[in-house]
């Protein structure tokens, strides 16, 4: 099924809402780049508690975040969505720059420090993932476990490592972060070094997880939710938070975004407030997504780290948004084309 047909089918299927419709004219249309298996239960619970119908429109795995981002920009003059539940804040920053989002001040924010949210209110952060290395323990001895992004350049792993297409999803955000933290020259050298070392580009983070778990690749770059699923399934993998001794690990919070001039602003705000609640953060922490709550005091199950336990990469998500746009239309597009 091609991309256009997929989106049409997904939108049509979601018009029935997350469950039994109860408030058709005031239904909240939620576009999301979060995996449907994690987003849908949250929408169903909100609908059950509020009586407000939710129409959930997910993105495709291979074009995660980018597909719906482009759709929201295209619909700017006549918005169809009320809320964008983004799996990362960089797409939210792009929407802000394009004038697609509307500012709002949450009554009870999850991100109590404001560190991960927009200071002008164009996105509010909640539960976070991290960008991690997933390592096949059958192929990699414990003593040789990669612990830095620099492992992608190590000759001992030539032709044995992989990552997702950096034009899409959190890999694109991570690429922008590499350019922000390393600087233009060193970042270009890093990507050239990956190509020279035979790093394989796969279609998605999920594909990285699957093919490392199957033993096709020794290790790869993915998100904590993908790595957590593989570990819970008993696959021979471990998860490494990279660069804890230097630049730190990139943190990827979710972002709640209200769409400017959306059809149902009042109910949209109610959904956004619910999304930022402790109950939602706890449910995401306890799910297979194993996401890290931003709100202090939210219980986490064993194995789920808190953000404070990790040395995090120092980035400005709004700057990453601007950087990503330039890279996606320039260097990264060229790099992908040469793979």
C-alpha atoms as a PDB file:
ATOM      1  CA  UNK A   1       0.000   0.000   0.000  1.00  0.00           C
ATOM      2  CA  UNK A   2       1.492   3.368  -0.946  1.00  0.00           C
ATOM      3  CA  UNK A   3       1.852   6.243   1.510  1.00  0.00           C
ATOM      4  CA  UNK A   4      -1.190   8.205   0.314  1.00  0.00           C
ATOM      5  CA  UNK A   5      -3.459   5.160   0.429  1.00  0.00           C
ATOM      6  CA  UNK A   6      -2.184   4.242   3.879  1.00  0.00           C
ATOM      7  CA  UNK A   7      -2.986   7.661   5.328  1.00  0.00           C
ATOM      8  CA  UNK A   8      -6.415   7.695   3.746  1.00  0.00           C
ATOM      9  CA  UNK A   9      -7.202   4.245   5.091  1.00  0.00           C
ATOM     10  CA  UNK A  10      -5.841   5.083   8.531  1.00  0.00           C
ATOM     11  CA  UNK A  11      -7.851   8.279   8.741  1.00  0.00           C
ATOM     12  CA  UNK A  12     -11.039   6.564   7.612  1.00  0.00           C
ATOM     13  CA  UNK A  13     -10.550   3.743  10.071  1.00  0.00           C
ATOM     14  CA  UNK A  14      -9.983   6.182  12.907  1.00  0.00           C
ATOM     15  CA  UNK A  15     -13.111   8.237  12.250  1.00  0.00           C
ATOM     16  CA  UNK A  16     -14.974   5.755  14.386  1.00  0.00           C
ATOM     17  CA  UNK A  17     -12.881   6.960  17.324  1.00  0.00           C
ATOM     18  CA  UNK A  18     -10.949   5.047  19.932  1.00  0.00           C
ATOM     19  CA  UNK A  19     -14.084   3.334  21.101  1.00  0.00           C
ATOM     20  CA  UNK A  20     -17.848   3.901  21.121  1.00  0.00           C
ATOM     21  CA  UNK A  21     -18.615   7.459  19.886  1.00  0.00           C
ATOM     22  CA  UNK A  22     -20.268   9.668  22.476  1.00  0.00           C
ATOM     23  CA  UNK A  23     -19.815  13.253  21.343  1.00  0.00           C
ATOM     24  CA  UNK A  24     -19.454  13.334  17.561  1.00  0.00           C
ATOM     25  CA  UNK A  25     -19.577  17.094  16.843  1.00  0.00           C
ATOM     26  CA  UNK A  26     -17.055  17.818  19.616  1.00  0.00           C
ATOM     27  CA  UNK A  27     -14.754  14.928  18.817  1.00  0.00           C
ATOM     28  CA  UNK A  28     -11.040  15.581  19.254  1.00  0.00           C
ATOM     29  CA  UNK A  29      -8.920  14.634  16.244  1.00  0.00           C
ATOM     30  CA  UNK A  30      -5.487  13.586  17.472  1.00  0.00           C
ATOM     31  CA  UNK A  31      -2.627  13.055  15.056  1.00  0.00           C
ATOM     32  CA  UNK A  32       0.166  11.066  16.659  1.00  0.00           C
ATOM     33  CA  UNK A  33       3.610   9.761  15.804  1.00  0.00           C
ATOM     34  CA  UNK A  34       3.543   7.614  18.958  1.00  0.00           C
ATOM     35  CA  UNK A  35       3.066   3.901  18.268  1.00  0.00           C
ATOM     36  CA  UNK A  36      -0.619   3.072  18.062  1.00  0.00           C
ATOM     37  CA  UNK A  37      -0.295   0.264  20.626  1.00  0.00           C
ATOM     38  CA  UNK A  38       0.754   2.845  23.237  1.00  0.00           C
ATOM     39  CA  UNK A  39      -1.319   5.839  22.132  1.00  0.00           C
ATOM     40  CA  UNK A  40      -4.676   4.135  21.669  1.00  0.00           C
ATOM     41  CA  UNK A  41      -5.169   2.943  25.295  1.00  0.00           C
ATOM     42  CA  UNK A  42      -4.531   6.506  26.509  1.00  0.00           C
ATOM     43  CA  UNK A  43      -7.142   7.866  24.101  1.00  0.00           C
ATOM     44  CA  UNK A  44      -9.626   5.186  25.114  1.00  0.00           C
ATOM     45  CA  UNK A  45      -9.187   6.003  28.789  1.00  0.00           C
ATOM     46  CA  UNK A  46      -9.657   9.739  28.162  1.00  0.00           C
ATOM     47  CA  UNK A  47     -12.794   9.026  26.151  1.00  0.00           C
ATOM     48  CA  UNK A  48     -14.147   6.800  28.910  1.00  0.00           C
ATOM     49  CA  UNK A  49     -13.519   9.385  31.625  1.00  0.00           C
ATOM     50  CA  UNK A  50     -14.544  12.519  29.742  1.00  0.00           C
ATOM     51  CA  UNK A  51     -17.260  11.323  27.369  1.00  0.00           C
ATOM     52  CA  UNK A  52     -15.415  13.148  24.574  1.00  0.00           C
ATOM     53  CA  UNK A  53     -14.823  11.116  21.441  1.00  0.00           C
ATOM     54  CA  UNK A  54     -11.223  10.828  20.251  1.00  0.00           C
ATOM     55  CA  UNK A  55     -10.387  10.197  16.612  1.00  0.00           C
ATOM     56  CA  UNK A  56      -6.831   8.922  16.518  1.00  0.00           C
ATOM     57  CA  UNK A  57      -4.748   9.228  13.337  1.00  0.00           C
ATOM     58  CA  UNK A  58      -1.362   7.446  13.622  1.00  0.00           C
ATOM     59  CA  UNK A  59       1.695   7.792  11.440  1.00  0.00           C
ATOM     60  CA  UNK A  60       3.424   4.995   9.528  1.00  0.00           C
ATOM     61  CA  UNK A  61       6.453   3.310  11.110  1.00  0.00           C
ATOM     62  CA  UNK A  62       8.786   4.025   8.194  1.00  0.00           C
ATOM     63  CA  UNK A  63       8.009   7.768   8.052  1.00  0.00           C
ATOM     64  CA  UNK A  64       7.366   8.223  11.762  1.00  0.00           C
ATOM     65  CA  UNK A  65       6.745  11.886  12.679  1.00  0.00           C
ATOM     66  CA  UNK A  66       7.601  13.211   9.224  1.00  0.00           C
ATOM     67  CA  UNK A  67       4.428  12.071   7.449  1.00  0.00           C
ATOM     68  CA  UNK A  68       1.992  13.714   9.849  1.00  0.00           C
ATOM     69  CA  UNK A  69       4.250  16.736  10.244  1.00  0.00           C
ATOM     70  CA  UNK A  70       3.997  17.426   6.516  1.00  0.00           C
ATOM     71  CA  UNK A  71       0.261  16.814   6.623  1.00  0.00           C
ATOM     72  CA  UNK A  72      -0.216  19.319   9.451  1.00  0.00           C
ATOM     73  CA  UNK A  73       1.781  21.933   7.550  1.00  0.00           C
ATOM     74  CA  UNK A  74      -0.252  21.273   4.385  1.00  0.00           C
ATOM     75  CA  UNK A  75      -3.501  21.630   6.353  1.00  0.00           C
ATOM     76  CA  UNK A  76      -2.476  24.885   8.039  1.00  0.00           C
ATOM     77  CA  UNK A  77      -5.098  27.016   6.253  1.00  0.00           C
ATOM     78  CA  UNK A  78      -7.870  24.500   7.042  1.00  0.00           C
ATOM     79  CA  UNK A  79      -6.787  22.426  10.053  1.00  0.00           C
ATOM     80  CA  UNK A  80      -8.288  18.961  10.378  1.00  0.00           C
ATOM     81  CA  UNK A  81      -6.487  18.048  13.629  1.00  0.00           C
ATOM     82  CA  UNK A  82      -6.971  19.489  17.093  1.00  0.00           C
ATOM     83  CA  UNK A  83      -3.926  17.986  18.785  1.00  0.00           C
ATOM     84  CA  UNK A  84      -0.590  16.610  17.656  1.00  0.00           C
ATOM     85  CA  UNK A  85       0.790  14.100  20.132  1.00  0.00           C
ATOM     86  CA  UNK A  86       4.363  14.024  18.946  1.00  0.00           C
ATOM     87  CA  UNK A  87       6.840  11.361  19.919  1.00  0.00           C
ATOM     88  CA  UNK A  88       9.528  14.069  20.054  1.00  0.00           C
ATOM     89  CA  UNK A  89       9.708  17.856  20.563  1.00  0.00           C
ATOM     90  CA  UNK A  90      11.655  18.619  17.392  1.00  0.00           C
ATOM     91  CA  UNK A  91       8.618  18.152  15.170  1.00  0.00           C
ATOM     92  CA  UNK A  92       6.742  20.426  17.576  1.00  0.00           C
ATOM     93  CA  UNK A  93       9.461  23.043  17.123  1.00  0.00           C
ATOM     94  CA  UNK A  94       9.029  22.846  13.343  1.00  0.00           C
ATOM     95  CA  UNK A  95       5.263  23.362  13.702  1.00  0.00           C
ATOM     96  CA  UNK A  96       5.890  26.395  15.890  1.00  0.00           C
ATOM     97  CA  UNK A  97       8.238  27.880  13.283  1.00  0.00           C
ATOM     98  CA  UNK A  98       5.618  27.276  10.557  1.00  0.00           C
ATOM     99  CA  UNK A  99       2.830  28.934  12.575  1.00  0.00           C
ATOM    100  CA  UNK A 100       0.832  25.694  12.821  1.00  0.00           C
ATOM    101  CA  UNK A 101       0.702  25.360  16.616  1.00  0.00           C
ATOM    102  CA  UNK A 102      -1.090  27.442  19.240  1.00  0.00           C
ATOM    103  CA  UNK A 103       0.467  28.325  22.614  1.00  0.00           C
ATOM    104  CA  UNK A 104      -1.153  27.102  25.813  1.00  0.00           C
ATOM    105  CA  UNK A 105      -0.213  27.039  29.464  1.00  0.00           C
ATOM    106  CA  UNK A 106      -1.000  23.696  31.107  1.00  0.00           C
ATOM    107  CA  UNK A 107      -2.755  23.908  34.449  1.00  0.00           C
ATOM    108  CA  UNK A 108      -0.643  21.056  35.801  1.00  0.00           C
ATOM    109  CA  UNK A 109       2.424  20.440  33.606  1.00  0.00           C
ATOM    110  CA  UNK A 110       4.288  17.154  33.675  1.00  0.00           C
ATOM    111  CA  UNK A 111       7.568  18.916  32.920  1.00  0.00           C
ATOM    112  CA  UNK A 112       7.693  20.890  36.155  1.00  0.00           C
ATOM    113  CA  UNK A 113      11.175  22.277  35.395  1.00  0.00           C
ATOM    114  CA  UNK A 114      10.233  23.472  31.914  1.00  0.00           C
ATOM    115  CA  UNK A 115      13.509  22.030  30.664  1.00  0.00           C
ATOM    116  CA  UNK A 116      11.953  19.959  27.874  1.00  0.00           C
ATOM    117  CA  UNK A 117       8.992  22.213  27.010  1.00  0.00           C
ATOM    118  CA  UNK A 118       8.718  25.338  24.883  1.00  0.00           C
ATOM    119  CA  UNK A 119       9.139  28.511  26.920  1.00  0.00           C
ATOM    120  CA  UNK A 120       6.481  30.190  24.756  1.00  0.00           C
ATOM    121  CA  UNK A 121       4.037  27.326  25.327  1.00  0.00           C
ATOM    122  CA  UNK A 122       3.892  25.824  21.838  1.00  0.00           C
ATOM    123  CA  UNK A 123       4.541  22.353  23.190  1.00  0.00           C
ATOM    124  CA  UNK A 124       4.363  20.768  26.615  1.00  0.00           C
ATOM    125  CA  UNK A 125       6.601  17.790  27.342  1.00  0.00           C
ATOM    126  CA  UNK A 126       5.708  14.542  29.052  1.00  0.00           C
ATOM    127  CA  UNK A 127       7.133  11.026  29.339  1.00  0.00           C
ATOM    128  CA  UNK A 128      10.481  10.557  27.628  1.00  0.00           C
ATOM    129  CA  UNK A 129      12.405   7.926  25.756  1.00  0.00           C
ATOM    130  CA  UNK A 130      16.149   7.890  25.245  1.00  0.00           C
ATOM    131  CA  UNK A 131      18.293   7.113  22.222  1.00  0.00           C
ATOM    132  CA  UNK A 132      20.175   3.931  23.062  1.00  0.00           C
ATOM    133  CA  UNK A 133      22.374   1.233  21.627  1.00  0.00           C
ATOM    134  CA  UNK A 134      20.696  -2.177  21.407  1.00  0.00           C
ATOM    135  CA  UNK A 135      23.388  -4.870  21.476  1.00  0.00           C
ATOM    136  CA  UNK A 136      23.132  -8.574  20.636  1.00  0.00           C
ATOM    137  CA  UNK A 137      24.686 -10.383  23.597  1.00  0.00           C
ATOM    138  CA  UNK A 138      25.274 -13.561  21.584  1.00  0.00           C
ATOM    139  CA  UNK A 139      27.488 -11.686  19.140  1.00  0.00           C
ATOM    140  CA  UNK A 140      29.152  -9.168  21.431  1.00  0.00           C
ATOM    141  CA  UNK A 141      31.110 -10.257  24.527  1.00  0.00           C
ATOM    142  CA  UNK A 142      30.213  -8.234  27.623  1.00  0.00           C
ATOM    143  CA  UNK A 143      33.732  -6.778  27.812  1.00  0.00           C
ATOM    144  CA  UNK A 144      33.417  -5.450  24.240  1.00  0.00           C
ATOM    145  CA  UNK A 145      29.954  -3.907  24.592  1.00  0.00           C
ATOM    146  CA  UNK A 146      29.822  -0.590  22.678  1.00  0.00           C
ATOM    147  CA  UNK A 147      29.180   2.375  24.969  1.00  0.00           C
ATOM    148  CA  UNK A 148      29.462   5.360  22.644  1.00  0.00           C
ATOM    149  CA  UNK A 149      28.296   6.523  19.250  1.00  0.00           C
ATOM    150  CA  UNK A 150      31.959   6.400  18.290  1.00  0.00           C
ATOM    151  CA  UNK A 151      31.591   2.594  18.182  1.00  0.00           C
ATOM    152  CA  UNK A 152      30.013   3.076  14.753  1.00  0.00           C
ATOM    153  CA  UNK A 153      33.466   4.136  13.535  1.00  0.00           C
ATOM    154  CA  UNK A 154      35.406   1.335  15.257  1.00  0.00           C
ATOM    155  CA  UNK A 155      37.033  -1.011  12.677  1.00  0.00           C
ATOM    156  CA  UNK A 156      36.218  -4.050  14.823  1.00  0.00           C
ATOM    157  CA  UNK A 157      32.524  -3.443  14.072  1.00  0.00           C
ATOM    158  CA  UNK A 158      32.975  -2.832  10.347  1.00  0.00           C
ATOM    159  CA  UNK A 159      29.847  -4.050   8.569  1.00  0.00           C
ATOM    160  CA  UNK A 160      28.235  -5.147  11.851  1.00  0.00           C
ATOM    161  CA  UNK A 161      26.240  -2.097  12.987  1.00  0.00           C
ATOM    162  CA  UNK A 162      23.011  -0.446  11.860  1.00  0.00           C
ATOM    163  CA  UNK A 163      20.731   2.540  12.355  1.00  0.00           C
ATOM    164  CA  UNK A 164      17.399   3.755  10.987  1.00  0.00           C
ATOM    165  CA  UNK A 165      17.020   6.142   8.056  1.00  0.00           C
ATOM    166  CA  UNK A 166      18.070   9.549   9.458  1.00  0.00           C
ATOM    167  CA  UNK A 167      15.481  11.388   7.382  1.00  0.00           C
ATOM    168  CA  UNK A 168      12.693  10.120   9.625  1.00  0.00           C
ATOM    169  CA  UNK A 169      11.626   9.693  13.234  1.00  0.00           C
ATOM    170  CA  UNK A 170      13.922  10.034  16.216  1.00  0.00           C
ATOM    171  CA  UNK A 171      16.972   9.136  14.127  1.00  0.00           C
ATOM    172  CA  UNK A 172      16.534  12.409  12.242  1.00  0.00           C
ATOM    173  CA  UNK A 173      16.341  14.266  15.554  1.00  0.00           C
ATOM    174  CA  UNK A 174      19.465  12.445  16.728  1.00  0.00           C
ATOM    175  CA  UNK A 175      21.299  13.410  13.550  1.00  0.00           C
ATOM    176  CA  UNK A 176      20.456  17.056  14.188  1.00  0.00           C
ATOM    177  CA  UNK A 177      21.719  16.675  17.769  1.00  0.00           C
ATOM    178  CA  UNK A 178      25.001  15.232  16.491  1.00  0.00           C
ATOM    179  CA  UNK A 179      25.488  18.312  14.309  1.00  0.00           C
ATOM    180  CA  UNK A 180      24.590  20.637  17.188  1.00  0.00           C
ATOM    181  CA  UNK A 181      26.965  19.017  19.678  1.00  0.00           C
ATOM    182  CA  UNK A 182      29.884  18.037  17.403  1.00  0.00           C
ATOM    183  CA  UNK A 183      29.769  20.998  15.072  1.00  0.00           C
ATOM    184  CA  UNK A 184      29.384  20.915  11.288  1.00  0.00           C
ATOM    185  CA  UNK A 185      32.843  19.650  10.350  1.00  0.00           C
ATOM    186  CA  UNK A 186      33.121  16.825  12.892  1.00  0.00           C
ATOM    187  CA  UNK A 187      29.519  15.743  12.319  1.00  0.00           C
ATOM    188  CA  UNK A 188      30.097  15.423   8.583  1.00  0.00           C
ATOM    189  CA  UNK A 189      33.227  13.406   9.319  1.00  0.00           C
ATOM    190  CA  UNK A 190      31.210  11.193  11.669  1.00  0.00           C
ATOM    191  CA  UNK A 191      28.607  10.399   9.016  1.00  0.00           C
ATOM    192  CA  UNK A 192      31.300   9.836   6.399  1.00  0.00           C
ATOM    193  CA  UNK A 193      33.042   7.501   8.840  1.00  0.00           C
ATOM    194  CA  UNK A 194      29.852   5.497   9.341  1.00  0.00           C
ATOM    195  CA  UNK A 195      29.522   5.014   5.615  1.00  0.00           C
ATOM    196  CA  UNK A 196      33.168   3.961   5.328  1.00  0.00           C
ATOM    197  CA  UNK A 197      32.749   1.507   8.211  1.00  0.00           C
ATOM    198  CA  UNK A 198      29.808  -0.217   6.538  1.00  0.00           C
ATOM    199  CA  UNK A 199      27.067   0.919   8.906  1.00  0.00           C
ATOM    200  CA  UNK A 200      23.788  -0.367   7.472  1.00  0.00           C
ATOM    201  CA  UNK A 201      20.800   1.958   7.115  1.00  0.00           C
ATOM    202  CA  UNK A 202      17.464   0.247   7.858  1.00  0.00           C
ATOM    203  CA  UNK A 203      13.891   1.425   7.396  1.00  0.00           C
ATOM    204  CA  UNK A 204      12.971   2.178  11.022  1.00  0.00           C
ATOM    205  CA  UNK A 205      13.960   1.935  14.680  1.00  0.00           C
ATOM    206  CA  UNK A 206      11.710  -1.102  14.968  1.00  0.00           C
ATOM    207  CA  UNK A 207      13.609  -2.773  12.153  1.00  0.00           C
ATOM    208  CA  UNK A 208      16.909  -2.025  13.916  1.00  0.00           C
ATOM    209  CA  UNK A 209      15.573  -3.719  17.036  1.00  0.00           C
ATOM    210  CA  UNK A 210      14.281  -6.748  15.126  1.00  0.00           C
ATOM    211  CA  UNK A 211      17.414  -7.363  13.091  1.00  0.00           C
ATOM    212  CA  UNK A 212      19.839  -6.882  15.976  1.00  0.00           C
ATOM    213  CA  UNK A 213      17.704  -9.242  18.070  1.00  0.00           C
ATOM    214  CA  UNK A 214      17.755 -11.829  15.270  1.00  0.00           C
ATOM    215  CA  UNK A 215      21.545 -11.705  15.062  1.00  0.00           C
ATOM    216  CA  UNK A 216      21.874 -10.067  11.644  1.00  0.00           C
ATOM    217  CA  UNK A 217      23.720  -7.122  13.206  1.00  0.00           C
ATOM    218  CA  UNK A 218      25.846  -6.885  16.327  1.00  0.00           C
ATOM    219  CA  UNK A 219      24.360  -3.595  17.517  1.00  0.00           C
ATOM    220  CA  UNK A 220      22.282  -0.665  16.385  1.00  0.00           C
ATOM    221  CA  UNK A 221      20.916   2.716  17.385  1.00  0.00           C
ATOM    222  CA  UNK A 222      17.262   2.815  18.437  1.00  0.00           C
ATOM    223  CA  UNK A 223      14.905   4.073  21.171  1.00  0.00           C
ATOM    224  CA  UNK A 224      14.367   2.736  24.677  1.00  0.00           C
ATOM    225  CA  UNK A 225      10.836   1.561  23.870  1.00  0.00           C
ATOM    226  CA  UNK A 226      12.038  -0.655  21.012  1.00  0.00           C
ATOM    227  CA  UNK A 227      14.926  -2.039  23.063  1.00  0.00           C
ATOM    228  CA  UNK A 228      12.620  -2.632  26.034  1.00  0.00           C
ATOM    229  CA  UNK A 229      10.183  -4.637  23.906  1.00  0.00           C
ATOM    230  CA  UNK A 230      12.993  -6.883  22.662  1.00  0.00           C
ATOM    231  CA  UNK A 231      14.268  -7.448  26.180  1.00  0.00           C
ATOM    232  CA  UNK A 232      10.770  -8.231  27.468  1.00  0.00           C
ATOM    233  CA  UNK A 233      10.383 -10.767  24.668  1.00  0.00           C
ATOM    234  CA  UNK A 234      13.476 -12.560  25.945  1.00  0.00           C
ATOM    235  CA  UNK A 235      15.634 -11.673  22.952  1.00  0.00           C
ATOM    236  CA  UNK A 236      19.428 -11.873  23.436  1.00  0.00           C
ATOM    237  CA  UNK A 237      19.927  -8.112  23.673  1.00  0.00           C
ATOM    238  CA  UNK A 238      20.984  -5.494  26.163  1.00  0.00           C
ATOM    239  CA  UNK A 239      20.372  -1.750  26.164  1.00  0.00           C
ATOM    240  CA  UNK A 240      23.166   0.791  26.589  1.00  0.00           C
ATOM    241  CA  UNK A 241      22.710   4.509  27.327  1.00  0.00           C
ATOM    242  CA  UNK A 242      25.569   5.836  25.204  1.00  0.00           C
ATOM    243  CA  UNK A 243      28.220   8.420  25.965  1.00  0.00           C
ATOM    244  CA  UNK A 244      27.663   8.561  29.704  1.00  0.00           C
ATOM    245  CA  UNK A 245      31.320   9.529  30.096  1.00  0.00           C
ATOM    246  CA  UNK A 246      31.206  12.434  27.645  1.00  0.00           C
ATOM    247  CA  UNK A 247      28.401  14.133  25.693  1.00  0.00           C
ATOM    248  CA  UNK A 248      25.571  12.193  27.328  1.00  0.00           C
ATOM    249  CA  UNK A 249      22.511  10.386  25.990  1.00  0.00           C
ATOM    250  CA  UNK A 250      19.875  12.161  23.902  1.00  0.00           C
ATOM    251  CA  UNK A 251      16.520  12.349  25.713  1.00  0.00           C
ATOM    252  CA  UNK A 252      13.364  12.320  23.589  1.00  0.00           C
ATOM    253  CA  UNK A 253      10.286  13.535  25.461  1.00  0.00           C
ATOM    254  CA  UNK A 254       6.780  13.330  24.055  1.00  0.00           C
ATOM    255  CA  UNK A 255       5.204  16.675  23.177  1.00  0.00           C
ATOM    256  CA  UNK A 256       1.576  17.771  23.395  1.00  0.00           C
ATOM    257  CA  UNK A 257       0.800  20.360  20.728  1.00  0.00           C
ATOM    258  CA  UNK A 258      -2.437  22.278  20.205  1.00  0.00           C
ATOM    259  CA  UNK A 259      -3.137  23.065  16.552  1.00  0.00           C
ATOM    260  CA  UNK A 260      -3.925  26.708  15.807  1.00  0.00           C
ATOM    261  CA  UNK A 261      -7.532  27.196  14.702  1.00  0.00           C
ATOM    262  CA  UNK A 262      -8.308  23.500  15.178  1.00  0.00           C
ATOM    263  CA  UNK A 263     -11.983  22.496  14.926  1.00  0.00           C
ATOM    264  CA  UNK A 264     -12.513  21.829  18.654  1.00  0.00           C
ATOM    265  CA  UNK A 265     -10.140  23.944  20.758  1.00  0.00           C
ATOM    266  CA  UNK A 266     -11.926  23.469  24.091  1.00  0.00           C
ATOM    267  CA  UNK A 267     -11.966  19.688  23.961  1.00  0.00           C
ATOM    268  CA  UNK A 268      -8.477  19.709  22.469  1.00  0.00           C
ATOM    269  CA  UNK A 269      -7.187  21.483  25.547  1.00  0.00           C
ATOM    270  CA  UNK A 270      -8.956  18.969  27.795  1.00  0.00           C
ATOM    271  CA  UNK A 271      -7.227  16.133  25.961  1.00  0.00           C
ATOM    272  CA  UNK A 272      -3.825  17.863  26.178  1.00  0.00           C
ATOM    273  CA  UNK A 273      -4.251  18.391  29.929  1.00  0.00           C
ATOM    274  CA  UNK A 274      -5.119  14.706  30.333  1.00  0.00           C
ATOM    275  CA  UNK A 275      -2.087  13.712  28.295  1.00  0.00           C
ATOM    276  CA  UNK A 276       0.130  15.600  30.753  1.00  0.00           C
ATOM    277  CA  UNK A 277      -1.368  13.900  33.807  1.00  0.00           C
ATOM    278  CA  UNK A 278       0.461  11.671  36.265  1.00  0.00           C
ATOM    279  CA  UNK A 279      -1.872   8.814  35.354  1.00  0.00           C
ATOM    280  CA  UNK A 280      -0.790   8.878  31.709  1.00  0.00           C
ATOM    281  CA  UNK A 281       2.894   9.105  32.593  1.00  0.00           C
ATOM    282  CA  UNK A 282       2.511   6.146  34.935  1.00  0.00           C
ATOM    283  CA  UNK A 283       0.691   4.087  32.318  1.00  0.00           C
ATOM    284  CA  UNK A 284       3.425   4.807  29.740  1.00  0.00           C
ATOM    285  CA  UNK A 285       6.095   3.837  32.261  1.00  0.00           C
ATOM    286  CA  UNK A 286       4.327   0.562  33.044  1.00  0.00           C
ATOM    287  CA  UNK A 287       3.648  -0.309  29.407  1.00  0.00           C
ATOM    288  CA  UNK A 288       6.125  -2.033  27.100  1.00  0.00           C
ATOM    289  CA  UNK A 289       7.160   1.459  26.030  1.00  0.00           C
ATOM    290  CA  UNK A 290       8.888   1.778  29.441  1.00  0.00           C
ATOM    291  CA  UNK A 291       8.908   5.563  29.161  1.00  0.00           C
ATOM    292  CA  UNK A 292      10.486   7.779  31.800  1.00  0.00           C
ATOM    293  CA  UNK A 293       8.061  10.158  33.565  1.00  0.00           C
ATOM    294  CA  UNK A 294       9.033  13.815  33.738  1.00  0.00           C
ATOM    295  CA  UNK A 295       6.731  14.574  36.671  1.00  0.00           C
ATOM    296  CA  UNK A 296       8.459  13.987  40.033  1.00  0.00           C
ATOM    297  CA  UNK A 297       7.019  11.209  42.151  1.00  0.00           C
ATOM    298  CA  UNK A 298       5.376   9.167  39.407  1.00  0.00           C
ATOM    299  CA  UNK A 299       6.055   5.482  40.228  1.00  0.00           C
ATOM    300  CA  UNK A 300       8.203   3.528  37.777  1.00  0.00           C
ATOM    301  CA  UNK A 301       8.554  -0.246  37.510  1.00  0.00           C
ATOM    302  CA  UNK A 302      11.924  -2.010  37.912  1.00  0.00           C
ATOM    303  CA  UNK A 303      14.201  -1.442  34.945  1.00  0.00           C
ATOM    304  CA  UNK A 304      12.759   1.960  34.005  1.00  0.00           C
ATOM    305  CA  UNK A 305      15.239   4.745  34.668  1.00  0.00           C
ATOM    306  CA  UNK A 306      14.359   8.266  35.679  1.00  0.00           C
ATOM    307  CA  UNK A 307      15.775  11.111  33.602  1.00  0.00           C
ATOM    308  CA  UNK A 308      17.751  12.299  36.625  1.00  0.00           C
ATOM    309  CA  UNK A 309      19.638   8.985  36.642  1.00  0.00           C
ATOM    310  CA  UNK A 310      21.082   9.579  33.162  1.00  0.00           C
ATOM    311  CA  UNK A 311      23.709  11.999  31.939  1.00  0.00           C
ATOM    312  CA  UNK A 312      21.708  13.741  29.231  1.00  0.00           C
ATOM    313  CA  UNK A 313      22.909  15.427  26.082  1.00  0.00           C
ATOM    314  CA  UNK A 314      22.599  19.205  26.385  1.00  0.00           C
ATOM    315  CA  UNK A 315      20.479  20.343  23.423  1.00  0.00           C
ATOM    316  CA  UNK A 316      17.974  23.064  22.605  1.00  0.00           C
ATOM    317  CA  UNK A 317      15.031  21.305  20.934  1.00  0.00           C
ATOM    318  CA  UNK A 318      13.935  24.441  19.104  1.00  0.00           C
ATOM    319  CA  UNK A 319      17.405  24.818  17.594  1.00  0.00           C
ATOM    320  CA  UNK A 320      17.300  21.135  16.644  1.00  0.00           C
ATOM    321  CA  UNK A 321      14.077  21.798  14.737  1.00  0.00           C
ATOM    322  CA  UNK A 322      15.722  24.471  12.610  1.00  0.00           C
ATOM    323  CA  UNK A 323      18.841  22.361  12.170  1.00  0.00           C
ATOM    324  CA  UNK A 324      16.794  19.327  11.151  1.00  0.00           C
ATOM    325  CA  UNK A 325      14.951  21.172   8.401  1.00  0.00           C
ATOM    326  CA  UNK A 326      18.224  22.287   6.840  1.00  0.00           C
ATOM    327  CA  UNK A 327      19.824  18.846   7.140  1.00  0.00           C
ATOM    328  CA  UNK A 328      16.802  16.985   5.770  1.00  0.00           C
ATOM    329  CA  UNK A 329      16.840  19.075   2.617  1.00  0.00           C
ATOM    330  CA  UNK A 330      20.614  19.019   2.287  1.00  0.00           C
ATOM    331  CA  UNK A 331      23.308  16.863   3.838  1.00  0.00           C
ATOM    332  CA  UNK A 332      21.148  14.029   5.216  1.00  0.00           C
ATOM    333  CA  UNK A 333      19.190  13.702   1.979  1.00  0.00           C
ATOM    334  CA  UNK A 334      22.473  13.384   0.105  1.00  0.00           C
ATOM    335  CA  UNK A 335      23.908  10.940   2.680  1.00  0.00           C
ATOM    336  CA  UNK A 336      20.847   8.684   2.453  1.00  0.00           C
ATOM    337  CA  UNK A 337      20.916   8.834  -1.326  1.00  0.00           C
ATOM    338  CA  UNK A 338      24.481   7.552  -1.350  1.00  0.00           C
ATOM    339  CA  UNK A 339      23.754   4.509   0.810  1.00  0.00           C
END
